[in-house]
Amino acid sequence: MREITLNVNGADHRLSAADDEMLLYVLRDGLNLTGTKYGCGEGQCGACTVLLDGRPVRSCQIHAAAVENRKITTIEALERDGKLHPVQQAFLDEEAFQCSYCTPGMIMSAVGFLAANSKPSDEEIIRGMNGNICRCGTYPRIVAAIRRAANDGGAR
């Protein structure tokens, strides 16, 4: 164990972590940010997606100690002053979830995707979201939500 400082959701957090401890567990267990979900543990499903310096990454595949001095954003930071992020609102408006387990990772991937491509085609959305798995199969509604968010200025 060693002391590390992580910048999560705009605040620095000093905590102890093993050299091989994954960011996912530090977020969930060390900082009680449980919006980031454990899915497969292999980086294949996308449930654990967070933004690292604004880009979507799988937190189950990154050692926490390796991301010191980088900006980590979790689903908990998207809402501001009681107003949902445009991607969150679009997911609600399009009912783009069923069980909702994948939703935080989907939203974080979509936020990062839209920051890089603010006016994507449906094909680009599908490619951009490839690797985020919804076991309930709400993919058409997810695509519709991301399209809506893009049209509503989803890259905030």
N, C-alpha and C. Protein backbone atom coordinates (compact mmCIF):
# COMPACT_ATOMS: atom_id res chain seq x y z
N MET A 1 0.85 -1.19 0.00
CA MET A 1 0.00 0.00 0.00
C MET A 1 0.89 1.24 0.00
N ARG A 2 0.39 2.24 -0.73
CA ARG A 2 1.09 3.52 -0.72
C ARG A 2 0.06 4.63 -0.85
N GLU A 3 0.46 5.80 -0.48
CA GLU A 3 -0.40 6.97 -0.57
C GLU A 3 -0.38 7.50 -2.00
N ILE A 4 -1.56 7.75 -2.54
CA ILE A 4 -1.67 8.37 -3.86
C ILE A 4 -2.68 9.51 -3.77
N THR A 5 -2.57 10.43 -4.70
CA THR A 5 -3.54 11.52 -4.81
C THR A 5 -4.20 11.43 -6.17
N LEU A 6 -5.51 11.32 -6.15
CA LEU A 6 -6.28 11.25 -7.39
C LEU A 6 -7.17 12.48 -7.49
N ASN A 7 -7.24 13.05 -8.68
CA ASN A 7 -8.17 14.14 -8.93
C ASN A 7 -9.43 13.52 -9.53
N VAL A 8 -10.47 13.45 -8.72
CA VAL A 8 -11.72 12.82 -9.13
C VAL A 8 -12.83 13.85 -9.03
N ASN A 9 -13.50 14.06 -10.14
CA ASN A 9 -14.63 14.98 -10.19
C ASN A 9 -14.26 16.38 -9.71
N GLY A 10 -13.03 16.79 -10.04
CA GLY A 10 -12.58 18.14 -9.73
C GLY A 10 -11.99 18.35 -8.36
N ALA A 11 -11.88 17.30 -7.56
CA ALA A 11 -11.31 17.43 -6.21
C ALA A 11 -10.17 16.42 -6.04
N ASP A 12 -9.14 16.84 -5.33
CA ASP A 12 -8.04 15.93 -5.02
C ASP A 12 -8.40 15.08 -3.81
N HIS A 13 -8.08 13.80 -3.92
CA HIS A 13 -8.35 12.84 -2.85
C HIS A 13 -7.06 12.10 -2.55
N ARG A 14 -6.60 12.15 -1.30
CA ARG A 14 -5.41 11.41 -0.88
C ARG A 14 -5.89 10.13 -0.22
N LEU A 15 -5.39 8.99 -0.69
CA LEU A 15 -5.81 7.71 -0.13
C LEU A 15 -4.74 6.66 -0.32
N SER A 16 -4.91 5.56 0.36
CA SER A 16 -3.98 4.44 0.25
C SER A 16 -4.49 3.46 -0.78
N ALA A 17 -3.55 2.96 -1.59
CA ALA A 17 -3.91 1.97 -2.60
C ALA A 17 -2.72 1.07 -2.86
N ALA A 18 -3.01 -0.20 -3.11
CA ALA A 18 -1.95 -1.13 -3.50
C ALA A 18 -1.50 -0.77 -4.91
N ASP A 19 -0.25 -1.08 -5.23
CA ASP A 19 0.28 -0.76 -6.56
C ASP A 19 -0.55 -1.38 -7.68
N ASP A 20 -1.15 -2.54 -7.41
CA ASP A 20 -1.91 -3.24 -8.45
C ASP A 20 -3.43 -3.06 -8.30
N GLU A 21 -3.86 -2.12 -7.46
CA GLU A 21 -5.29 -1.91 -7.25
C GLU A 21 -5.89 -1.13 -8.42
N MET A 22 -6.95 -1.66 -8.95
CA MET A 22 -7.59 -1.04 -10.10
C MET A 22 -8.38 0.20 -9.69
N LEU A 23 -8.43 1.15 -10.60
CA LEU A 23 -9.14 2.41 -10.36
C LEU A 23 -10.59 2.15 -9.98
N LEU A 24 -11.24 1.19 -10.60
CA LEU A 24 -12.63 0.86 -10.29
C LEU A 24 -12.85 0.67 -8.80
N TYR A 25 -11.98 -0.09 -8.16
CA TYR A 25 -12.15 -0.40 -6.74
C TYR A 25 -11.83 0.79 -5.86
N VAL A 26 -10.87 1.61 -6.27
CA VAL A 26 -10.57 2.81 -5.50
C VAL A 26 -11.77 3.76 -5.55
N LEU A 27 -12.37 3.90 -6.73
CA LEU A 27 -13.54 4.76 -6.85
C LEU A 27 -14.70 4.25 -6.00
N ARG A 28 -15.00 2.98 -6.13
CA ARG A 28 -16.16 2.40 -5.45
C ARG A 28 -15.93 2.23 -3.94
N ASP A 29 -14.81 1.62 -3.60
CA ASP A 29 -14.58 1.27 -2.19
C ASP A 29 -13.87 2.38 -1.42
N GLY A 30 -12.94 3.05 -2.06
CA GLY A 30 -12.17 4.08 -1.37
C GLY A 30 -12.88 5.42 -1.31
N LEU A 31 -13.60 5.77 -2.38
CA LEU A 31 -14.25 7.08 -2.45
C LEU A 31 -15.77 6.99 -2.42
N ASN A 32 -16.31 5.78 -2.35
CA ASN A 32 -17.76 5.56 -2.28
C ASN A 32 -18.51 6.16 -3.47
N LEU A 33 -17.87 6.14 -4.62
CA LEU A 33 -18.52 6.59 -5.86
C LEU A 33 -19.01 5.35 -6.58
N THR A 34 -20.19 4.91 -6.24
CA THR A 34 -20.69 3.61 -6.69
C THR A 34 -21.44 3.66 -8.03
N GLY A 35 -21.47 4.81 -8.67
CA GLY A 35 -22.09 4.88 -9.99
C GLY A 35 -21.32 4.10 -11.03
N THR A 36 -20.01 4.01 -10.86
CA THR A 36 -19.17 3.22 -11.74
C THR A 36 -19.36 1.76 -11.37
N LYS A 37 -19.77 0.95 -12.33
CA LYS A 37 -20.17 -0.43 -12.04
C LYS A 37 -19.09 -1.44 -12.43
N TYR A 38 -19.04 -2.53 -11.66
CA TYR A 38 -18.24 -3.69 -12.05
C TYR A 38 -19.09 -4.52 -12.99
N GLY A 39 -18.55 -4.83 -14.14
CA GLY A 39 -19.28 -5.67 -15.10
C GLY A 39 -18.55 -6.98 -15.29
N CYS A 40 -17.59 -6.98 -16.20
CA CYS A 40 -16.89 -8.22 -16.55
C CYS A 40 -15.52 -8.31 -15.90
N GLY A 41 -14.94 -7.18 -15.51
CA GLY A 41 -13.59 -7.18 -14.95
C GLY A 41 -12.50 -7.36 -15.98
N GLU A 42 -12.87 -7.38 -17.25
CA GLU A 42 -11.90 -7.60 -18.33
C GLU A 42 -11.88 -6.47 -19.35
N GLY A 43 -12.59 -5.38 -19.08
CA GLY A 43 -12.61 -4.25 -20.00
C GLY A 43 -13.42 -4.46 -21.25
N GLN A 44 -14.26 -5.47 -21.27
CA GLN A 44 -15.02 -5.80 -22.48
C GLN A 44 -16.45 -5.26 -22.50
N CYS A 45 -17.04 -4.99 -21.33
CA CYS A 45 -18.46 -4.65 -21.31
C CYS A 45 -18.75 -3.15 -21.20
N GLY A 46 -17.82 -2.38 -20.67
CA GLY A 46 -18.00 -0.94 -20.58
C GLY A 46 -18.74 -0.43 -19.36
N ALA A 47 -19.20 -1.31 -18.47
CA ALA A 47 -19.96 -0.86 -17.30
C ALA A 47 -19.13 0.03 -16.38
N CYS A 48 -17.82 -0.13 -16.40
CA CYS A 48 -16.94 0.61 -15.50
C CYS A 48 -16.35 1.86 -16.13
N THR A 49 -16.89 2.31 -17.25
CA THR A 49 -16.30 3.44 -17.98
C THR A 49 -16.36 4.73 -17.18
N VAL A 50 -15.22 5.40 -17.14
CA VAL A 50 -15.09 6.75 -16.59
C VAL A 50 -14.34 7.57 -17.64
N LEU A 51 -14.27 8.87 -17.42
CA LEU A 51 -13.47 9.71 -18.31
C LEU A 51 -12.13 9.97 -17.65
N LEU A 52 -11.08 9.80 -18.40
CA LEU A 52 -9.72 10.10 -17.95
C LEU A 52 -9.21 11.18 -18.89
N ASP A 53 -9.02 12.38 -18.33
CA ASP A 53 -8.65 13.53 -19.14
C ASP A 53 -9.64 13.71 -20.29
N GLY A 54 -10.92 13.45 -20.02
CA GLY A 54 -11.98 13.66 -20.99
C GLY A 54 -12.23 12.52 -21.96
N ARG A 55 -11.44 11.46 -21.87
CA ARG A 55 -11.60 10.34 -22.80
C ARG A 55 -12.11 9.11 -22.05
N PRO A 56 -13.04 8.37 -22.64
CA PRO A 56 -13.58 7.17 -21.97
C PRO A 56 -12.51 6.09 -21.82
N VAL A 57 -12.44 5.53 -20.61
CA VAL A 57 -11.54 4.41 -20.32
C VAL A 57 -12.26 3.41 -19.42
N ARG A 58 -11.78 2.19 -19.43
CA ARG A 58 -12.33 1.14 -18.57
C ARG A 58 -11.57 1.15 -17.24
N SER A 59 -12.24 1.53 -16.18
CA SER A 59 -11.57 1.67 -14.89
C SER A 59 -11.16 0.34 -14.28
N CYS A 60 -11.70 -0.76 -14.79
CA CYS A 60 -11.30 -2.08 -14.28
C CYS A 60 -9.96 -2.53 -14.85
N GLN A 61 -9.43 -1.77 -15.81
CA GLN A 61 -8.19 -2.15 -16.48
C GLN A 61 -7.04 -1.19 -16.20
N ILE A 62 -7.25 -0.19 -15.36
CA ILE A 62 -6.23 0.82 -15.09
C ILE A 62 -5.89 0.81 -13.62
N HIS A 63 -4.60 0.72 -13.32
CA HIS A 63 -4.17 0.80 -11.93
C HIS A 63 -4.35 2.24 -11.44
N ALA A 64 -4.91 2.38 -10.25
CA ALA A 64 -5.16 3.70 -9.69
C ALA A 64 -3.88 4.51 -9.60
N ALA A 65 -2.79 3.89 -9.21
CA ALA A 65 -1.53 4.60 -9.05
C ALA A 65 -1.02 5.17 -10.37
N ALA A 66 -1.45 4.61 -11.48
CA ALA A 66 -0.99 5.06 -12.80
C ALA A 66 -1.71 6.32 -13.27
N VAL A 67 -2.74 6.75 -12.58
CA VAL A 67 -3.51 7.90 -13.05
C VAL A 67 -3.41 9.10 -12.10
N GLU A 68 -2.40 9.10 -11.24
CA GLU A 68 -2.16 10.29 -10.43
C GLU A 68 -1.90 11.46 -11.37
N ASN A 69 -2.32 12.65 -10.95
CA ASN A 69 -2.10 13.87 -11.73
C ASN A 69 -2.87 13.90 -13.05
N ARG A 70 -3.92 13.09 -13.15
CA ARG A 70 -4.78 13.12 -14.32
C ARG A 70 -6.20 13.37 -13.84
N LYS A 71 -7.03 13.89 -14.71
CA LYS A 71 -8.40 14.25 -14.34
C LYS A 71 -9.33 13.07 -14.58
N ILE A 72 -9.95 12.58 -13.52
CA ILE A 72 -10.88 11.46 -13.57
C ILE A 72 -12.29 12.01 -13.35
N THR A 73 -13.21 11.64 -14.23
CA THR A 73 -14.60 12.08 -14.10
C THR A 73 -15.49 10.85 -14.06
N THR A 74 -16.36 10.80 -13.05
CA THR A 74 -17.31 9.70 -12.92
C THR A 74 -18.72 10.23 -13.19
N ILE A 75 -19.65 9.32 -13.29
CA ILE A 75 -21.06 9.66 -13.55
C ILE A 75 -21.60 10.66 -12.51
N GLU A 76 -21.08 10.59 -11.30
CA GLU A 76 -21.58 11.46 -10.24
C GLU A 76 -21.32 12.94 -10.52
N ALA A 77 -20.36 13.25 -11.39
CA ALA A 77 -20.00 14.65 -11.65
C ALA A 77 -20.76 15.28 -12.81
N LEU A 78 -21.56 14.52 -13.53
CA LEU A 78 -22.20 15.08 -14.72
C LEU A 78 -23.32 16.06 -14.39
N GLU A 79 -24.13 15.76 -13.40
CA GLU A 79 -25.22 16.66 -13.01
C GLU A 79 -24.60 17.91 -12.39
N ARG A 80 -25.17 19.05 -12.76
CA ARG A 80 -24.68 20.32 -12.19
C ARG A 80 -25.86 21.17 -11.75
N ASP A 81 -25.79 21.60 -10.51
CA ASP A 81 -26.81 22.50 -9.96
C ASP A 81 -28.22 21.97 -10.17
N GLY A 82 -28.39 20.67 -9.99
CA GLY A 82 -29.70 20.05 -10.12
C GLY A 82 -30.15 19.80 -11.54
N LYS A 83 -29.28 20.07 -12.50
CA LYS A 83 -29.64 19.88 -13.91
C LYS A 83 -28.79 18.74 -14.48
N LEU A 84 -29.48 17.77 -15.07
CA LEU A 84 -28.78 16.64 -15.66
C LEU A 84 -27.95 17.08 -16.87
N HIS A 85 -26.88 16.35 -17.11
CA HIS A 85 -26.09 16.55 -18.32
C HIS A 85 -27.00 16.22 -19.51
N PRO A 86 -26.81 16.86 -20.66
CA PRO A 86 -27.67 16.57 -21.82
C PRO A 86 -27.72 15.10 -22.20
N VAL A 87 -26.64 14.36 -22.01
CA VAL A 87 -26.67 12.93 -22.33
C VAL A 87 -27.54 12.19 -21.31
N GLN A 88 -27.43 12.52 -20.05
CA GLN A 88 -28.29 11.90 -19.04
C GLN A 88 -29.75 12.19 -19.34
N GLN A 89 -30.06 13.44 -19.67
CA GLN A 89 -31.45 13.81 -19.95
C GLN A 89 -31.96 13.07 -21.18
N ALA A 90 -31.12 12.94 -22.19
CA ALA A 90 -31.52 12.23 -23.41
C ALA A 90 -31.79 10.76 -23.12
N PHE A 91 -30.98 10.14 -22.26
CA PHE A 91 -31.22 8.74 -21.90
C PHE A 91 -32.57 8.61 -21.20
N LEU A 92 -32.92 9.56 -20.36
CA LEU A 92 -34.24 9.53 -19.71
C LEU A 92 -35.35 9.75 -20.75
N ASP A 93 -35.20 10.76 -21.57
CA ASP A 93 -36.23 11.10 -22.54
C ASP A 93 -36.50 9.97 -23.52
N GLU A 94 -35.46 9.25 -23.92
CA GLU A 94 -35.60 8.15 -24.88
C GLU A 94 -35.82 6.80 -24.20
N GLU A 95 -35.87 6.80 -22.87
CA GLU A 95 -36.01 5.55 -22.11
C GLU A 95 -34.99 4.52 -22.57
N ALA A 96 -33.74 4.97 -22.61
CA ALA A 96 -32.64 4.18 -23.17
C ALA A 96 -32.02 3.23 -22.16
N PHE A 97 -32.83 2.64 -21.35
CA PHE A 97 -32.35 1.68 -20.37
C PHE A 97 -33.51 0.80 -19.95
N GLN A 98 -33.17 -0.33 -19.41
CA GLN A 98 -34.19 -1.22 -18.86
C GLN A 98 -33.79 -1.52 -17.42
N CYS A 99 -32.77 -2.33 -17.24
CA CYS A 99 -32.34 -2.62 -15.86
C CYS A 99 -31.43 -1.52 -15.33
N SER A 100 -30.80 -0.75 -16.21
CA SER A 100 -29.96 0.41 -15.90
C SER A 100 -28.55 0.08 -15.43
N TYR A 101 -28.19 -1.19 -15.35
CA TYR A 101 -26.85 -1.51 -14.85
C TYR A 101 -25.76 -0.95 -15.76
N CYS A 102 -25.95 -1.00 -17.06
CA CYS A 102 -24.95 -0.51 -18.01
C CYS A 102 -25.00 1.00 -18.19
N THR A 103 -26.06 1.63 -17.74
CA THR A 103 -26.32 3.03 -18.09
C THR A 103 -25.20 3.99 -17.70
N PRO A 104 -24.63 3.94 -16.50
CA PRO A 104 -23.54 4.88 -16.21
C PRO A 104 -22.37 4.76 -17.18
N GLY A 105 -21.97 3.55 -17.50
CA GLY A 105 -20.88 3.35 -18.45
C GLY A 105 -21.25 3.81 -19.84
N MET A 106 -22.49 3.54 -20.25
CA MET A 106 -22.98 4.00 -21.55
C MET A 106 -22.94 5.52 -21.62
N ILE A 107 -23.44 6.16 -20.58
CA ILE A 107 -23.48 7.63 -20.56
C ILE A 107 -22.07 8.20 -20.59
N MET A 108 -21.15 7.65 -19.80
CA MET A 108 -19.79 8.17 -19.79
C MET A 108 -19.12 7.97 -21.15
N SER A 109 -19.34 6.83 -21.76
CA SER A 109 -18.79 6.61 -23.11
C SER A 109 -19.39 7.60 -24.10
N ALA A 110 -20.70 7.83 -24.00
CA ALA A 110 -21.37 8.77 -24.91
C ALA A 110 -20.88 10.20 -24.71
N VAL A 111 -20.66 10.60 -23.47
CA VAL A 111 -20.15 11.95 -23.21
C VAL A 111 -18.77 12.12 -23.85
N GLY A 112 -17.89 11.15 -23.65
CA GLY A 112 -16.57 11.22 -24.27
C GLY A 112 -16.64 11.18 -25.78
N PHE A 113 -17.51 10.33 -26.30
CA PHE A 113 -17.69 10.21 -27.75
C PHE A 113 -18.17 11.53 -28.35
N LEU A 114 -19.20 12.13 -27.73
CA LEU A 114 -19.75 13.38 -28.27
C LEU A 114 -18.78 14.55 -28.14
N ALA A 115 -17.90 14.49 -27.16
CA ALA A 115 -16.88 15.54 -27.04
C ALA A 115 -15.92 15.49 -28.24
N ALA A 116 -15.72 14.30 -28.78
CA ALA A 116 -14.83 14.13 -29.93
C ALA A 116 -15.56 14.24 -31.26
N ASN A 117 -16.87 13.99 -31.26
CA ASN A 117 -17.66 14.00 -32.50
C ASN A 117 -19.05 14.53 -32.15
N SER A 118 -19.22 15.82 -32.25
CA SER A 118 -20.45 16.44 -31.76
C SER A 118 -21.67 16.27 -32.67
N LYS A 119 -21.45 15.89 -33.91
CA LYS A 119 -22.57 15.70 -34.85
C LYS A 119 -22.41 14.37 -35.59
N PRO A 120 -22.50 13.27 -34.86
CA PRO A 120 -22.26 11.97 -35.49
C PRO A 120 -23.48 11.44 -36.25
N SER A 121 -23.19 10.61 -37.22
CA SER A 121 -24.25 9.85 -37.88
C SER A 121 -24.60 8.66 -36.99
N ASP A 122 -25.71 8.00 -37.28
CA ASP A 122 -26.06 6.80 -36.51
C ASP A 122 -24.98 5.74 -36.62
N GLU A 123 -24.38 5.59 -37.79
CA GLU A 123 -23.31 4.61 -37.96
C GLU A 123 -22.11 4.95 -37.09
N GLU A 124 -21.78 6.24 -37.00
CA GLU A 124 -20.67 6.66 -36.15
C GLU A 124 -20.99 6.44 -34.67
N ILE A 125 -22.23 6.65 -34.29
CA ILE A 125 -22.64 6.38 -32.91
C ILE A 125 -22.46 4.90 -32.61
N ILE A 126 -22.92 4.05 -33.50
CA ILE A 126 -22.81 2.61 -33.28
C ILE A 126 -21.35 2.20 -33.15
N ARG A 127 -20.51 2.70 -34.06
CA ARG A 127 -19.07 2.39 -33.97
C ARG A 127 -18.45 2.96 -32.70
N GLY A 128 -18.82 4.18 -32.37
CA GLY A 128 -18.26 4.84 -31.20
C GLY A 128 -18.64 4.18 -29.89
N MET A 129 -19.80 3.56 -29.87
CA MET A 129 -20.27 2.91 -28.64
C MET A 129 -19.97 1.42 -28.62
N ASN A 130 -19.34 0.93 -29.67
CA ASN A 130 -18.96 -0.48 -29.74
C ASN A 130 -18.10 -0.84 -28.54
N GLY A 131 -18.44 -1.89 -27.86
CA GLY A 131 -17.71 -2.28 -26.66
C GLY A 131 -18.47 -1.99 -25.38
N ASN A 132 -19.53 -1.19 -25.46
CA ASN A 132 -20.42 -1.01 -24.32
C ASN A 132 -21.59 -1.96 -24.53
N ILE A 133 -21.75 -2.87 -23.61
CA ILE A 133 -22.75 -3.93 -23.75
C ILE A 133 -23.95 -3.65 -22.87
N CYS A 134 -25.13 -3.79 -23.47
CA CYS A 134 -26.40 -3.71 -22.75
C CYS A 134 -27.03 -5.10 -22.83
N ARG A 135 -27.08 -5.77 -21.71
CA ARG A 135 -27.63 -7.13 -21.71
C ARG A 135 -29.13 -7.13 -21.95
N CYS A 136 -29.79 -5.99 -21.75
CA CYS A 136 -31.23 -5.91 -22.00
C CYS A 136 -31.54 -5.63 -23.47
N GLY A 137 -30.54 -5.21 -24.22
CA GLY A 137 -30.73 -5.00 -25.65
C GLY A 137 -31.44 -3.72 -26.04
N THR A 138 -31.23 -2.66 -25.30
CA THR A 138 -31.92 -1.40 -25.62
C THR A 138 -31.12 -0.54 -26.62
N TYR A 139 -30.34 -1.17 -27.45
CA TYR A 139 -29.46 -0.45 -28.37
C TYR A 139 -30.16 0.59 -29.24
N PRO A 140 -31.33 0.30 -29.83
CA PRO A 140 -31.97 1.35 -30.65
C PRO A 140 -32.29 2.61 -29.84
N ARG A 141 -32.71 2.43 -28.59
CA ARG A 141 -33.02 3.58 -27.75
C ARG A 141 -31.75 4.31 -27.31
N ILE A 142 -30.66 3.55 -27.12
CA ILE A 142 -29.37 4.17 -26.77
C ILE A 142 -28.89 5.03 -27.93
N VAL A 143 -28.95 4.51 -29.13
CA VAL A 143 -28.56 5.30 -30.32
C VAL A 143 -29.44 6.54 -30.42
N ALA A 144 -30.73 6.38 -30.22
CA ALA A 144 -31.65 7.52 -30.28
C ALA A 144 -31.30 8.56 -29.22
N ALA A 145 -30.94 8.12 -28.04
CA ALA A 145 -30.58 9.04 -26.96
C ALA A 145 -29.32 9.81 -27.31
N ILE A 146 -28.34 9.14 -27.85
CA ILE A 146 -27.09 9.82 -28.20
C ILE A 146 -27.33 10.79 -29.35
N ARG A 147 -28.14 10.40 -30.31
CA ARG A 147 -28.52 11.30 -31.40
C ARG A 147 -29.22 12.54 -30.82
N ARG A 148 -30.15 12.33 -29.90
CA ARG A 148 -30.88 13.45 -29.28
C ARG A 148 -29.91 14.35 -28.53
N ALA A 149 -29.01 13.75 -27.76
CA ALA A 149 -28.05 14.55 -27.01
C ALA A 149 -27.17 15.38 -27.94
N ALA A 150 -26.76 14.76 -29.06
CA ALA A 150 -25.95 15.50 -30.03
C ALA A 150 -26.73 16.69 -30.58
N ASN A 151 -27.99 16.47 -30.90
CA ASN A 151 -28.83 17.54 -31.43
C ASN A 151 -29.11 18.63 -30.39
N ASP A 152 -29.08 18.24 -29.09
CA ASP A 152 -29.34 19.18 -28.01
C ASP A 152 -28.06 19.79 -27.45
N GLY A 153 -26.92 19.54 -28.10
CA GLY A 153 -25.64 20.08 -27.61
C GLY A 153 -25.05 19.24 -26.51
N GLY A 154 -25.01 17.94 -26.69
CA GLY A 154 -24.59 16.97 -25.67
C GLY A 154 -23.16 17.07 -25.21
N ALA A 155 -22.29 17.74 -25.92
CA ALA A 155 -20.89 17.86 -25.48
C ALA A 155 -20.76 19.14 -24.66
N ARG A 156 -21.06 19.03 -23.41
CA ARG A 156 -21.02 20.22 -22.52
C ARG A 156 -19.64 20.38 -21.98
